[in-house]
Amino acid sequence: MTAGFCGFGFDIRQNHVQQRAENLPMRILYIGTGDIGLPALRNLLDDAVHTVCALICQPDKPVGRKQVLTPPATKALAQERGVPVHQPARIRHAGELIASLRPDIAVVMAYGQILPQAILDLPPHGCLNLHASLLPKHRGAAPIQAAILGGDEETGITVMYMNAGMDTGDILLMERLTIRSNENGGSLHDRLADLSPKALRKALTLIAAGNAPRTPQDHATATHIGKLERTDGVIEWSQPAEQIARRIRAFDPWPGSTTTLPGGEKLKLFPAIGISHAIGEPGTVLGAGPEGITVACGSGSLIFHELQAEGRKRMNAAAFLSGRPLGRGEQLG
């Protein structure tokens, strides 16, 4: 960043702090692309006190087999409410734009790019990030899946002051929820999305009142999970049944869990309906009937009721077996 830009940003922050010192309402810049941020953005747009001055999200992307150029859901919502939308290819080059919007604070959730320190320093009240885990646990791109993979009993939304690190900033507050025994990645995503407005409202109230706490994270206890790829969903039958069951739940709907049929055809599996003590060579079909297909794991076995063969629809075990019989002793994966 040039010296001239530094000076411009500093002047705006200095004047802006004075302007807002006696005024509760704040101009909020919302930075977010993912669907998980929709409830928080909608709640801000409905707020009678604060104002969303603009939305920054990722550029439109091609979606589906026909690669139709599709806007992020946050963009569609903002445009519906008459809020200006900006989609810079790289946010690190958007300093002049953000300075011109004169935000008091920025709220970031599932944006998809790292914000450099020069951007973080622009709003007088800083940048808040809504992260879908109880930090410092599960920093990174896939905290929802990580919580299920780890067998955690609870998770939540952490509101954090952003810094240049990856989810390393001081914590303002947390809202917690219990992870259900049958929770999958999709259901937990939606519950955390619905929890985020409550966490954000509390945080903004504390900041506007001038008494928001800052608690440094314990970096020694931090865990991290990177971005998920399709290959992460390939099942390793040598793992214990409980561990595989968690992986399948965590990766439903994305990236999904797959194995291969004896002929090499890809098979997608959906969360198991039960864990059995039956044992066998990992990946071996121990039983197949209308009630489910039992597959041996490294220890124990799993019973599946919903499957999807490559190029076919998702179906129950009875419908699947009518078109593709599986015999006891056949090997998957």
C-alpha atoms as a PDB file:
ATOM      1  CA  MET A   1       0.000   0.000   0.000  1.00  0.00           C
ATOM      2  CA  THR A   2       1.351   3.445  -0.917  1.00  0.00           C
ATOM      3  CA  ALA A   3       2.054   6.171   1.597  1.00  0.00           C
ATOM      4  CA  GLY A   4      -0.685   8.322   0.062  1.00  0.00           C
ATOM      5  CA  PHE A   5      -3.250   5.579   0.559  1.00  0.00           C
ATOM      6  CA  CYS A   6      -2.127   5.055   4.154  1.00  0.00           C
ATOM      7  CA  GLY A   7      -2.696   8.716   4.846  1.00  0.00           C
ATOM      8  CA  PHE A   8      -6.132   8.667   3.206  1.00  0.00           C
ATOM      9  CA  GLY A   9      -7.218   5.679   5.269  1.00  0.00           C
ATOM     10  CA  PHE A  10      -5.888   7.188   8.491  1.00  0.00           C
ATOM     11  CA  ASP A  11      -7.692  10.491   7.977  1.00  0.00           C
ATOM     12  CA  ILE A  12     -10.977   8.715   7.369  1.00  0.00           C
ATOM     13  CA  ARG A  13     -10.650   6.607  10.500  1.00  0.00           C
ATOM     14  CA  GLN A  14      -9.654   9.570  12.664  1.00  0.00           C
ATOM     15  CA  ASN A  15     -12.542  11.770  11.528  1.00  0.00           C
ATOM     16  CA  HIS A  16     -14.955   8.862  11.562  1.00  0.00           C
ATOM     17  CA  VAL A  17     -14.193   7.913  15.170  1.00  0.00           C
ATOM     18  CA  GLN A  18     -14.931  11.499  16.234  1.00  0.00           C
ATOM     19  CA  GLN A  19     -18.134  11.535  14.211  1.00  0.00           C
ATOM     20  CA  ARG A  20     -19.413   8.289  15.736  1.00  0.00           C
ATOM     21  CA  ALA A  21     -18.263   8.807  19.311  1.00  0.00           C
ATOM     22  CA  GLU A  22     -21.663  10.191  20.363  1.00  0.00           C
ATOM     23  CA  ASN A  23     -23.773   8.217  17.909  1.00  0.00           C
ATOM     24  CA  LEU A  24     -24.886   4.627  18.472  1.00  0.00           C
ATOM     25  CA  PRO A  25     -25.818   3.612  14.881  1.00  0.00           C
ATOM     26  CA  MET A  26     -22.974   2.170  12.824  1.00  0.00           C
ATOM     27  CA  ARG A  27     -22.329   1.852   9.112  1.00  0.00           C
ATOM     28  CA  ILE A  28     -21.593  -1.839   8.547  1.00  0.00           C
ATOM     29  CA  LEU A  29     -19.719  -3.256   5.584  1.00  0.00           C
ATOM     30  CA  TYR A  30     -20.704  -6.905   5.125  1.00  0.00           C
ATOM     31  CA  ILE A  31     -18.082  -9.116   3.489  1.00  0.00           C
ATOM     32  CA  GLY A  32     -19.343 -12.588   2.680  1.00  0.00           C
ATOM     33  CA  THR A  33     -20.111 -15.011  -0.123  1.00  0.00           C
ATOM     34  CA  GLY A  34     -21.269 -18.341   1.361  1.00  0.00           C
ATOM     35  CA  ASP A  35     -24.871 -19.301   2.112  1.00  0.00           C
ATOM     36  CA  ILE A  36     -24.022 -19.744   5.794  1.00  0.00           C
ATOM     37  CA  GLY A  37     -23.840 -15.956   6.075  1.00  0.00           C
ATOM     38  CA  LEU A  38     -27.352 -15.287   4.747  1.00  0.00           C
ATOM     39  CA  PRO A  39     -29.170 -15.232   8.124  1.00  0.00           C
ATOM     40  CA  ALA A  40     -26.598 -12.811   9.580  1.00  0.00           C
ATOM     41  CA  LEU A  41     -26.812 -10.522   6.553  1.00  0.00           C
ATOM     42  CA  ARG A  42     -30.616 -10.659   6.533  1.00  0.00           C
ATOM     43  CA  ASN A  43     -30.666  -9.783  10.234  1.00  0.00           C
ATOM     44  CA  LEU A  44     -28.423  -6.763   9.614  1.00  0.00           C
ATOM     45  CA  LEU A  45     -30.621  -5.595   6.746  1.00  0.00           C
ATOM     46  CA  ASP A  46     -33.658  -5.808   9.034  1.00  0.00           C
ATOM     47  CA  ASP A  47     -31.882  -3.905  11.827  1.00  0.00           C
ATOM     48  CA  ALA A  48     -33.572  -0.625  12.690  1.00  0.00           C
ATOM     49  CA  VAL A  49     -30.420   0.830  14.277  1.00  0.00           C
ATOM     50  CA  HIS A  50     -27.415  -0.015  12.108  1.00  0.00           C
ATOM     51  CA  THR A  51     -27.058   0.362   8.333  1.00  0.00           C
ATOM     52  CA  VAL A  52     -25.427  -2.002   5.846  1.00  0.00           C
ATOM     53  CA  CYS A  53     -23.555   0.439   3.624  1.00  0.00           C
ATOM     54  CA  ALA A  54     -22.457  -2.205   1.085  1.00  0.00           C
ATOM     55  CA  LEU A  55     -21.785  -5.870   0.435  1.00  0.00           C
ATOM     56  CA  ILE A  56     -18.482  -7.236  -0.818  1.00  0.00           C
ATOM     57  CA  CYS A  57     -18.611 -10.802  -2.148  1.00  0.00           C
ATOM     58  CA  GLN A  58     -16.787 -13.023  -4.606  1.00  0.00           C
ATOM     59  CA  PRO A  59     -17.420 -12.636  -8.355  1.00  0.00           C
ATOM     60  CA  ASP A  60     -20.250 -14.621  -9.988  1.00  0.00           C
ATOM     61  CA  LYS A  61     -19.196 -18.175 -10.887  1.00  0.00           C
ATOM     62  CA  PRO A  62     -20.329 -20.808 -13.404  1.00  0.00           C
ATOM     63  CA  VAL A  63     -22.484 -23.470 -11.721  1.00  0.00           C
ATOM     64  CA  GLY A  64     -23.774 -26.893 -12.746  1.00  0.00           C
ATOM     65  CA  ARG A  65     -23.294 -28.997 -15.842  1.00  0.00           C
ATOM     66  CA  LYS A  66     -24.297 -26.123 -18.108  1.00  0.00           C
ATOM     67  CA  GLN A  67     -21.896 -23.775 -16.259  1.00  0.00           C
ATOM     68  CA  VAL A  68     -24.495 -21.029 -15.887  1.00  0.00           C
ATOM     69  CA  LEU A  69     -22.943 -17.849 -14.455  1.00  0.00           C
ATOM     70  CA  THR A  70     -24.559 -17.564 -11.017  1.00  0.00           C
ATOM     71  CA  PRO A  71     -24.311 -14.794  -8.394  1.00  0.00           C
ATOM     72  CA  PRO A  72     -23.634 -15.605  -4.728  1.00  0.00           C
ATOM     73  CA  ALA A  73     -26.790 -15.804  -2.613  1.00  0.00           C
ATOM     74  CA  THR A  74     -25.561 -12.862  -0.528  1.00  0.00           C
ATOM     75  CA  LYS A  75     -25.456 -10.722  -3.676  1.00  0.00           C
ATOM     76  CA  ALA A  76     -29.019 -11.635  -4.607  1.00  0.00           C
ATOM     77  CA  LEU A  77     -30.240 -10.701  -1.124  1.00  0.00           C
ATOM     78  CA  ALA A  78     -28.349  -7.405  -1.046  1.00  0.00           C
ATOM     79  CA  GLN A  79     -29.631  -6.378  -4.475  1.00  0.00           C
ATOM     80  CA  GLU A  80     -33.176  -7.269  -3.442  1.00  0.00           C
ATOM     81  CA  ARG A  81     -32.808  -4.837  -0.520  1.00  0.00           C
ATOM     82  CA  GLY A  82     -31.174  -2.081  -2.582  1.00  0.00           C
ATOM     83  CA  VAL A  83     -27.721  -2.435  -0.981  1.00  0.00           C
ATOM     84  CA  PRO A  84     -24.700  -1.655  -3.212  1.00  0.00           C
ATOM     85  CA  VAL A  85     -22.726  -4.775  -4.165  1.00  0.00           C
ATOM     86  CA  HIS A  86     -19.016  -4.901  -5.029  1.00  0.00           C
ATOM     87  CA  GLN A  87     -17.228  -8.005  -6.331  1.00  0.00           C
ATOM     88  CA  PRO A  88     -13.499  -7.316  -6.588  1.00  0.00           C
ATOM     89  CA  ALA A  89     -11.454 -10.146  -8.034  1.00  0.00           C
ATOM     90  CA  ARG A  90      -8.923  -9.632  -5.218  1.00  0.00           C
ATOM     91  CA  ILE A  91      -9.937  -7.781  -2.061  1.00  0.00           C
ATOM     92  CA  ARG A  92      -6.336  -6.781  -1.399  1.00  0.00           C
ATOM     93  CA  HIS A  93      -6.726  -4.327  -4.293  1.00  0.00           C
ATOM     94  CA  ALA A  94      -9.995  -2.864  -2.931  1.00  0.00           C
ATOM     95  CA  GLY A  95      -8.569  -0.520  -0.296  1.00  0.00           C
ATOM     96  CA  GLU A  96      -9.648   2.705  -2.032  1.00  0.00           C
ATOM     97  CA  LEU A  97     -13.133   1.307  -2.539  1.00  0.00           C
ATOM     98  CA  ILE A  98     -13.544   0.261   1.105  1.00  0.00           C
ATOM     99  CA  ALA A  99     -12.176   3.580   2.357  1.00  0.00           C
ATOM    100  CA  SER A 100     -14.715   5.426   0.183  1.00  0.00           C
ATOM    101  CA  LEU A 101     -17.582   3.450   1.775  1.00  0.00           C
ATOM    102  CA  ARG A 102     -16.646   4.891   5.196  1.00  0.00           C
ATOM    103  CA  PRO A 103     -17.676   1.834   7.251  1.00  0.00           C
ATOM    104  CA  ASP A 104     -17.565   2.025  11.026  1.00  0.00           C
ATOM    105  CA  ILE A 105     -17.072  -1.739  11.167  1.00  0.00           C
ATOM    106  CA  ALA A 106     -16.814  -4.703   8.805  1.00  0.00           C
ATOM    107  CA  VAL A 107     -18.517  -8.049   9.410  1.00  0.00           C
ATOM    108  CA  VAL A 108     -16.968 -11.026   7.607  1.00  0.00           C
ATOM    109  CA  MET A 109     -18.436 -14.508   7.217  1.00  0.00           C
ATOM    110  CA  ALA A 110     -17.479 -17.164   4.649  1.00  0.00           C
ATOM    111  CA  TYR A 111     -15.953 -14.686   2.206  1.00  0.00           C
ATOM    112  CA  GLY A 112     -13.368 -16.962   0.609  1.00  0.00           C
ATOM    113  CA  GLN A 113     -10.345 -14.660   0.515  1.00  0.00           C
ATOM    114  CA  ILE A 114      -7.815 -13.582   3.137  1.00  0.00           C
ATOM    115  CA  LEU A 115      -8.070  -9.924   4.133  1.00  0.00           C
ATOM    116  CA  PRO A 116      -4.663  -8.210   4.366  1.00  0.00           C
ATOM    117  CA  GLN A 117      -3.827  -6.021   7.348  1.00  0.00           C
ATOM    118  CA  ALA A 118      -4.187  -2.834   5.266  1.00  0.00           C
ATOM    119  CA  ILE A 119      -7.871  -3.687   4.731  1.00  0.00           C
ATOM    120  CA  LEU A 120      -8.434  -4.820   8.319  1.00  0.00           C
ATOM    121  CA  ASP A 121      -7.143  -1.484   9.581  1.00  0.00           C
ATOM    122  CA  LEU A 122      -9.629   0.655   7.632  1.00  0.00           C
ATOM    123  CA  PRO A 123     -12.868   0.454   9.721  1.00  0.00           C
ATOM    124  CA  PRO A 124     -12.484   2.365  13.016  1.00  0.00           C
ATOM    125  CA  HIS A 125     -14.042  -0.489  14.985  1.00  0.00           C
ATOM    126  CA  GLY A 126     -12.121  -3.124  13.059  1.00  0.00           C
ATOM    127  CA  CYS A 127     -13.300  -6.250  11.257  1.00  0.00           C
ATOM    128  CA  LEU A 128     -15.301  -8.967  12.977  1.00  0.00           C
ATOM    129  CA  ASN A 129     -15.287 -12.530  11.696  1.00  0.00           C
ATOM    130  CA  LEU A 130     -18.056 -15.025  12.425  1.00  0.00           C
ATOM    131  CA  HIS A 131     -16.330 -18.421  12.504  1.00  0.00           C
ATOM    132  CA  ALA A 132     -18.310 -21.671  12.718  1.00  0.00           C
ATOM    133  CA  SER A 133     -16.400 -23.320  15.552  1.00  0.00           C
ATOM    134  CA  LEU A 134     -15.358 -22.716  19.147  1.00  0.00           C
ATOM    135  CA  LEU A 135     -11.944 -21.214  18.524  1.00  0.00           C
ATOM    136  CA  PRO A 136      -9.096 -22.010  18.786  1.00  0.00           C
ATOM    137  CA  LYS A 137     -10.540 -25.410  17.844  1.00  0.00           C
ATOM    138  CA  HIS A 138     -10.993 -26.060  14.121  1.00  0.00           C
ATOM    139  CA  ARG A 139      -9.407 -23.038  12.529  1.00  0.00           C
ATOM    140  CA  GLY A 140      -9.496 -23.083   8.754  1.00  0.00           C
ATOM    141  CA  ALA A 141     -11.860 -23.679   5.868  1.00  0.00           C
ATOM    142  CA  ALA A 142     -13.989 -26.618   7.060  1.00  0.00           C
ATOM    143  CA  PRO A 143     -14.756 -26.208  10.785  1.00  0.00           C
ATOM    144  CA  ILE A 144     -18.260 -27.698  10.528  1.00  0.00           C
ATOM    145  CA  GLN A 145     -17.019 -30.971   9.077  1.00  0.00           C
ATOM    146  CA  ALA A 146     -14.097 -30.990  11.520  1.00  0.00           C
ATOM    147  CA  ALA A 147     -16.420 -30.873  14.532  1.00  0.00           C
ATOM    148  CA  ILE A 148     -18.343 -33.947  13.347  1.00  0.00           C
ATOM    149  CA  LEU A 149     -15.157 -35.762  12.314  1.00  0.00           C
ATOM    150  CA  GLY A 150     -13.698 -35.159  15.743  1.00  0.00           C
ATOM    151  CA  GLY A 151     -16.758 -36.509  17.552  1.00  0.00           C
ATOM    152  CA  ASP A 152     -17.198 -33.157  19.334  1.00  0.00           C
ATOM    153  CA  GLU A 153     -20.180 -32.820  21.652  1.00  0.00           C
ATOM    154  CA  GLU A 154     -20.621 -29.121  20.958  1.00  0.00           C
ATOM    155  CA  THR A 155     -19.670 -26.386  18.540  1.00  0.00           C
ATOM    156  CA  GLY A 156     -20.851 -22.845  17.907  1.00  0.00           C
ATOM    157  CA  ILE A 157     -20.187 -19.434  16.432  1.00  0.00           C
ATOM    158  CA  THR A 158     -17.125 -17.475  17.535  1.00  0.00           C
ATOM    159  CA  VAL A 159     -17.125 -13.718  16.937  1.00  0.00           C
ATOM    160  CA  MET A 160     -13.492 -12.739  16.575  1.00  0.00           C
ATOM    161  CA  TYR A 161     -11.528  -9.558  15.922  1.00  0.00           C
ATOM    162  CA  MET A 162      -9.694 -10.292  12.697  1.00  0.00           C
ATOM    163  CA  ASN A 163      -5.951 -10.028  12.321  1.00  0.00           C
ATOM    164  CA  ALA A 164      -3.609 -11.077   9.531  1.00  0.00           C
ATOM    165  CA  GLY A 165      -3.421 -14.692  10.766  1.00  0.00           C
ATOM    166  CA  MET A 166      -5.741 -17.572   9.876  1.00  0.00           C
ATOM    167  CA  ASP A 167      -8.507 -17.383  12.520  1.00  0.00           C
ATOM    168  CA  THR A 168      -6.003 -16.264  15.163  1.00  0.00           C
ATOM    169  CA  GLY A 169      -7.588 -12.995  16.328  1.00  0.00           C
ATOM    170  CA  ASP A 170      -8.845 -12.138  19.809  1.00  0.00           C
ATOM    171  CA  ILE A 171     -12.274 -13.531  20.735  1.00  0.00           C
ATOM    172  CA  LEU A 172     -15.153 -11.162  21.452  1.00  0.00           C
ATOM    173  CA  LEU A 173     -17.773 -13.802  22.314  1.00  0.00           C
ATOM    174  CA  MET A 174     -19.068 -17.305  21.559  1.00  0.00           C
ATOM    175  CA  GLU A 175     -22.518 -18.805  21.106  1.00  0.00           C
ATOM    176  CA  ARG A 176     -22.626 -22.567  21.649  1.00  0.00           C
ATOM    177  CA  LEU A 177     -24.856 -25.405  20.489  1.00  0.00           C
ATOM    178  CA  THR A 178     -24.927 -29.161  21.080  1.00  0.00           C
ATOM    179  CA  ILE A 179     -24.107 -31.442  18.168  1.00  0.00           C
ATOM    180  CA  ARG A 180     -26.846 -34.034  17.676  1.00  0.00           C
ATOM    181  CA  SER A 181     -26.016 -37.734  17.450  1.00  0.00           C
ATOM    182  CA  ASN A 182     -27.292 -37.941  13.847  1.00  0.00           C
ATOM    183  CA  GLU A 183     -25.907 -34.578  12.739  1.00  0.00           C
ATOM    184  CA  ASN A 184     -24.515 -34.307   9.225  1.00  0.00           C
ATOM    185  CA  GLY A 185     -22.556 -31.509   7.606  1.00  0.00           C
ATOM    186  CA  GLY A 186     -25.647 -29.989   6.004  1.00  0.00           C
ATOM    187  CA  SER A 187     -27.832 -29.909   9.105  1.00  0.00           C
ATOM    188  CA  LEU A 188     -25.048 -28.508  11.294  1.00  0.00           C
ATOM    189  CA  HIS A 189     -24.279 -25.865   8.653  1.00  0.00           C
ATOM    190  CA  ASP A 190     -27.903 -24.695   8.745  1.00  0.00           C
ATOM    191  CA  ARG A 191     -28.127 -24.647  12.544  1.00  0.00           C
ATOM    192  CA  LEU A 192     -24.918 -22.622  12.819  1.00  0.00           C
ATOM    193  CA  ALA A 193     -26.168 -20.240  10.130  1.00  0.00           C
ATOM    194  CA  ASP A 194     -29.322 -19.678  12.191  1.00  0.00           C
ATOM    195  CA  LEU A 195     -27.240 -19.117  15.344  1.00  0.00           C
ATOM    196  CA  SER A 196     -24.980 -16.467  13.794  1.00  0.00           C
ATOM    197  CA  PRO A 197     -27.436 -13.493  13.959  1.00  0.00           C
ATOM    198  CA  LYS A 198     -27.755 -13.926  17.728  1.00  0.00           C
ATOM    199  CA  ALA A 199     -23.978 -13.894  18.155  1.00  0.00           C
ATOM    200  CA  LEU A 200     -23.576 -10.894  15.862  1.00  0.00           C
ATOM    201  CA  ARG A 201     -26.309  -8.855  17.545  1.00  0.00           C
ATOM    202  CA  LYS A 202     -24.651  -9.329  20.937  1.00  0.00           C
ATOM    203  CA  ALA A 203     -21.246  -8.385  19.535  1.00  0.00           C
ATOM    204  CA  LEU A 204     -22.474  -5.206  17.830  1.00  0.00           C
ATOM    205  CA  THR A 205     -24.323  -4.123  20.978  1.00  0.00           C
ATOM    206  CA  LEU A 206     -21.149  -4.498  23.035  1.00  0.00           C
ATOM    207  CA  ILE A 207     -19.038  -2.624  20.487  1.00  0.00           C
ATOM    208  CA  ALA A 208     -21.541   0.228  20.133  1.00  0.00           C
ATOM    209  CA  ALA A 209     -21.608   0.546  23.930  1.00  0.00           C
ATOM    210  CA  GLY A 210     -17.810   0.660  24.070  1.00  0.00           C
ATOM    211  CA  ASN A 211     -17.386  -2.328  26.387  1.00  0.00           C
ATOM    212  CA  ALA A 212     -16.667  -5.245  24.065  1.00  0.00           C
ATOM    213  CA  PRO A 213     -14.183  -7.747  25.557  1.00  0.00           C
ATOM    214  CA  ARG A 214     -11.056  -9.067  23.819  1.00  0.00           C
ATOM    215  CA  THR A 215      -9.786 -12.481  24.893  1.00  0.00           C
ATOM    216  CA  PRO A 216      -6.569 -13.758  23.248  1.00  0.00           C
ATOM    217  CA  GLN A 217      -6.764 -17.291  21.900  1.00  0.00           C
ATOM    218  CA  ASP A 218      -4.712 -20.092  23.418  1.00  0.00           C
ATOM    219  CA  HIS A 219      -2.638 -20.864  20.330  1.00  0.00           C
ATOM    220  CA  ALA A 220      -1.096 -23.940  21.969  1.00  0.00           C
ATOM    221  CA  THR A 221      -4.459 -25.750  21.869  1.00  0.00           C
ATOM    222  CA  ALA A 222      -5.390 -24.733  18.312  1.00  0.00           C
ATOM    223  CA  THR A 223      -6.390 -27.273  15.668  1.00  0.00           C
ATOM    224  CA  HIS A 224      -6.670 -26.635  11.931  1.00  0.00           C
ATOM    225  CA  ILE A 225      -8.532 -28.119   8.980  1.00  0.00           C
ATOM    226  CA  GLY A 226      -7.858 -27.161   5.386  1.00  0.00           C
ATOM    227  CA  LYS A 227     -10.163 -26.863   2.401  1.00  0.00           C
ATOM    228  CA  LEU A 228     -11.976 -30.079   1.534  1.00  0.00           C
ATOM    229  CA  GLU A 229     -11.539 -31.797  -1.826  1.00  0.00           C
ATOM    230  CA  ARG A 230     -13.647 -34.485  -3.491  1.00  0.00           C
ATOM    231  CA  THR A 231     -10.929 -37.035  -2.817  1.00  0.00           C
ATOM    232  CA  ASP A 232     -11.399 -36.550   0.937  1.00  0.00           C
ATOM    233  CA  GLY A 233     -14.681 -38.417   0.646  1.00  0.00           C
ATOM    234  CA  VAL A 234     -13.160 -41.716  -0.542  1.00  0.00           C
ATOM    235  CA  ILE A 235     -13.888 -44.269   2.161  1.00  0.00           C
ATOM    236  CA  GLU A 236     -11.045 -46.251   3.724  1.00  0.00           C
ATOM    237  CA  TRP A 237     -12.758 -49.388   4.991  1.00  0.00           C
ATOM    238  CA  SER A 238      -9.791 -50.258   7.206  1.00  0.00           C
ATOM    239  CA  GLN A 239     -10.859 -47.518   9.634  1.00  0.00           C
ATOM    240  CA  PRO A 240     -13.157 -48.336  12.592  1.00  0.00           C
ATOM    241  CA  ALA A 241     -16.901 -48.290  11.848  1.00  0.00           C
ATOM    242  CA  GLU A 242     -17.533 -45.367  14.197  1.00  0.00           C
ATOM    243  CA  GLN A 243     -14.877 -43.254  12.504  1.00  0.00           C
ATOM    244  CA  ILE A 244     -16.190 -44.015   9.011  1.00  0.00           C
ATOM    245  CA  ALA A 245     -19.746 -43.236  10.138  1.00  0.00           C
ATOM    246  CA  ARG A 246     -18.613 -39.812  11.380  1.00  0.00           C
ATOM    247  CA  ARG A 247     -16.787 -39.114   8.116  1.00  0.00           C
ATOM    248  CA  ILE A 248     -19.838 -39.958   6.049  1.00  0.00           C
ATOM    249  CA  ARG A 249     -22.038 -37.700   8.186  1.00  0.00           C
ATOM    250  CA  ALA A 250     -19.456 -34.904   8.139  1.00  0.00           C
ATOM    251  CA  PHE A 251     -19.111 -35.036   4.352  1.00  0.00           C
ATOM    252  CA  ASP A 252     -22.854 -35.093   3.636  1.00  0.00           C
ATOM    253  CA  PRO A 253     -23.642 -33.267   1.381  1.00  0.00           C
ATOM    254  CA  TRP A 254     -20.124 -32.060   0.484  1.00  0.00           C
ATOM    255  CA  PRO A 255     -17.831 -33.561  -0.681  1.00  0.00           C
ATOM    256  CA  GLY A 256     -19.876 -36.743  -0.292  1.00  0.00           C
ATOM    257  CA  SER A 257     -18.583 -40.229   0.534  1.00  0.00           C
ATOM    258  CA  THR A 258     -17.724 -42.747  -2.142  1.00  0.00           C
ATOM    259  CA  THR A 259     -16.403 -46.233  -2.637  1.00  0.00           C
ATOM    260  CA  THR A 260     -16.309 -48.562  -5.659  1.00  0.00           C
ATOM    261  CA  LEU A 261     -18.357 -51.606  -6.598  1.00  0.00           C
ATOM    262  CA  PRO A 262     -16.556 -54.856  -7.553  1.00  0.00           C
ATOM    263  CA  GLY A 263     -16.595 -53.845 -11.228  1.00  0.00           C
ATOM    264  CA  GLY A 264     -14.985 -50.473 -10.491  1.00  0.00           C
ATOM    265  CA  GLU A 265     -18.194 -48.419 -10.724  1.00  0.00           C
ATOM    266  CA  LYS A 266     -18.295 -45.509  -8.286  1.00  0.00           C
ATOM    267  CA  LEU A 267     -20.825 -45.817  -5.462  1.00  0.00           C
ATOM    268  CA  LYS A 268     -21.951 -42.933  -3.259  1.00  0.00           C
ATOM    269  CA  LEU A 269     -22.972 -43.770   0.300  1.00  0.00           C
ATOM    270  CA  PHE A 270     -25.174 -41.708   2.590  1.00  0.00           C
ATOM    271  CA  PRO A 271     -25.106 -41.681   6.413  1.00  0.00           C
ATOM    272  CA  ALA A 272     -25.357 -45.184   7.856  1.00  0.00           C
ATOM    273  CA  ILE A 273     -28.489 -46.223   9.696  1.00  0.00           C
ATOM    274  CA  GLY A 274     -26.601 -48.343  12.179  1.00  0.00           C
ATOM    275  CA  ILE A 275     -23.333 -49.753  13.483  1.00  0.00           C
ATOM    276  CA  SER A 276     -23.055 -53.519  13.873  1.00  0.00           C
ATOM    277  CA  HIS A 277     -20.619 -55.721  15.785  1.00  0.00           C
ATOM    278  CA  ALA A 278     -20.410 -58.076  12.793  1.00  0.00           C
ATOM    279  CA  ILE A 279     -16.851 -58.454  11.576  1.00  0.00           C
ATOM    280  CA  GLY A 280     -15.138 -59.384   8.333  1.00  0.00           C
ATOM    281  CA  GLU A 281     -12.454 -58.290   5.903  1.00  0.00           C
ATOM    282  CA  PRO A 282     -12.721 -54.480   5.604  1.00  0.00           C
ATOM    283  CA  GLY A 283     -14.935 -53.510   2.671  1.00  0.00           C
ATOM    284  CA  THR A 284     -16.635 -56.914   2.467  1.00  0.00           C
ATOM    285  CA  VAL A 285     -20.430 -57.071   2.057  1.00  0.00           C
ATOM    286  CA  LEU A 286     -21.684 -59.075   5.047  1.00  0.00           C
ATOM    287  CA  GLY A 287     -25.338 -58.904   4.140  1.00  0.00           C
ATOM    288  CA  ALA A 288     -27.623 -57.245   1.565  1.00  0.00           C
ATOM    289  CA  GLY A 289     -31.385 -56.999   1.757  1.00  0.00           C
ATOM    290  CA  PRO A 290     -34.288 -54.498   1.659  1.00  0.00           C
ATOM    291  CA  GLU A 291     -33.517 -53.408   5.222  1.00  0.00           C
ATOM    292  CA  GLY A 292     -29.955 -52.385   4.351  1.00  0.00           C
ATOM    293  CA  ILE A 293     -26.505 -53.359   3.141  1.00  0.00           C
ATOM    294  CA  THR A 294     -23.956 -54.288   5.808  1.00  0.00           C
ATOM    295  CA  VAL A 295     -20.276 -53.629   5.083  1.00  0.00           C
ATOM    296  CA  ALA A 296     -17.345 -54.679   7.264  1.00  0.00           C
ATOM    297  CA  CYS A 297     -14.927 -52.032   8.537  1.00  0.00           C
ATOM    298  CA  GLY A 298     -11.581 -52.169  10.329  1.00  0.00           C
ATOM    299  CA  SER A 299     -13.565 -52.914  13.469  1.00  0.00           C
ATOM    300  CA  GLY A 300     -17.312 -53.491  13.439  1.00  0.00           C
ATOM    301  CA  SER A 301     -19.486 -52.837  10.402  1.00  0.00           C
ATOM    302  CA  LEU A 302     -21.947 -50.294   9.022  1.00  0.00           C
ATOM    303  CA  ILE A 303     -25.480 -50.737   7.702  1.00  0.00           C
ATOM    304  CA  PHE A 304     -26.474 -48.518   4.766  1.00  0.00           C
ATOM    305  CA  HIS A 305     -30.002 -47.879   3.590  1.00  0.00           C
ATOM    306  CA  GLU A 306     -29.403 -45.196   0.937  1.00  0.00           C
ATOM    307  CA  LEU A 307     -26.968 -45.473  -1.971  1.00  0.00           C
ATOM    308  CA  GLN A 308     -26.351 -43.939  -5.364  1.00  0.00           C
ATOM    309  CA  ALA A 309     -24.559 -45.685  -8.195  1.00  0.00           C
ATOM    310  CA  GLU A 310     -22.695 -43.577 -10.722  1.00  0.00           C
ATOM    311  CA  GLY A 311     -25.093 -42.021 -13.240  1.00  0.00           C
ATOM    312  CA  ARG A 312     -28.185 -43.082 -11.280  1.00  0.00           C
ATOM    313  CA  LYS A 313     -30.497 -41.516  -8.709  1.00  0.00           C
ATOM    314  CA  ARG A 314     -30.204 -41.814  -4.949  1.00  0.00           C
ATOM    315  CA  MET A 315     -32.334 -44.766  -3.793  1.00  0.00           C
ATOM    316  CA  ASN A 316     -33.039 -47.033  -0.862  1.00  0.00           C
ATOM    317  CA  ALA A 317     -31.385 -50.429  -0.457  1.00  0.00           C
ATOM    318  CA  ALA A 318     -34.338 -52.385  -1.857  1.00  0.00           C
ATOM    319  CA  ALA A 319     -34.507 -50.312  -5.048  1.00  0.00           C
ATOM    320  CA  PHE A 320     -30.734 -50.359  -5.445  1.00  0.00           C
ATOM    321  CA  LEU A 321     -30.464 -54.142  -5.083  1.00  0.00           C
ATOM    322  CA  SER A 322     -33.261 -54.728  -7.573  1.00  0.00           C
ATOM    323  CA  GLY A 323     -31.102 -53.128 -10.250  1.00  0.00           C
ATOM    324  CA  ARG A 324     -27.658 -54.098  -8.961  1.00  0.00           C
ATOM    325  CA  PRO A 325     -27.617 -57.183  -6.713  1.00  0.00           C
ATOM    326  CA  LEU A 326     -24.824 -57.392  -4.159  1.00  0.00           C
ATOM    327  CA  GLY A 327     -23.919 -60.788  -2.761  1.00  0.00           C
ATOM    328  CA  ARG A 328     -22.413 -61.660   0.585  1.00  0.00           C
ATOM    329  CA  GLY A 329     -18.629 -61.676   0.311  1.00  0.00           C
ATOM    330  CA  GLU A 330     -18.376 -59.134  -2.499  1.00  0.00           C
ATOM    331  CA  GLN A 331     -15.706 -56.489  -1.952  1.00  0.00           C
ATOM    332  CA  LEU A 332     -16.199 -52.722  -2.049  1.00  0.00           C
ATOM    333  CA  GLY A 333     -13.429 -50.195  -2.533  1.00  0.00           C
END
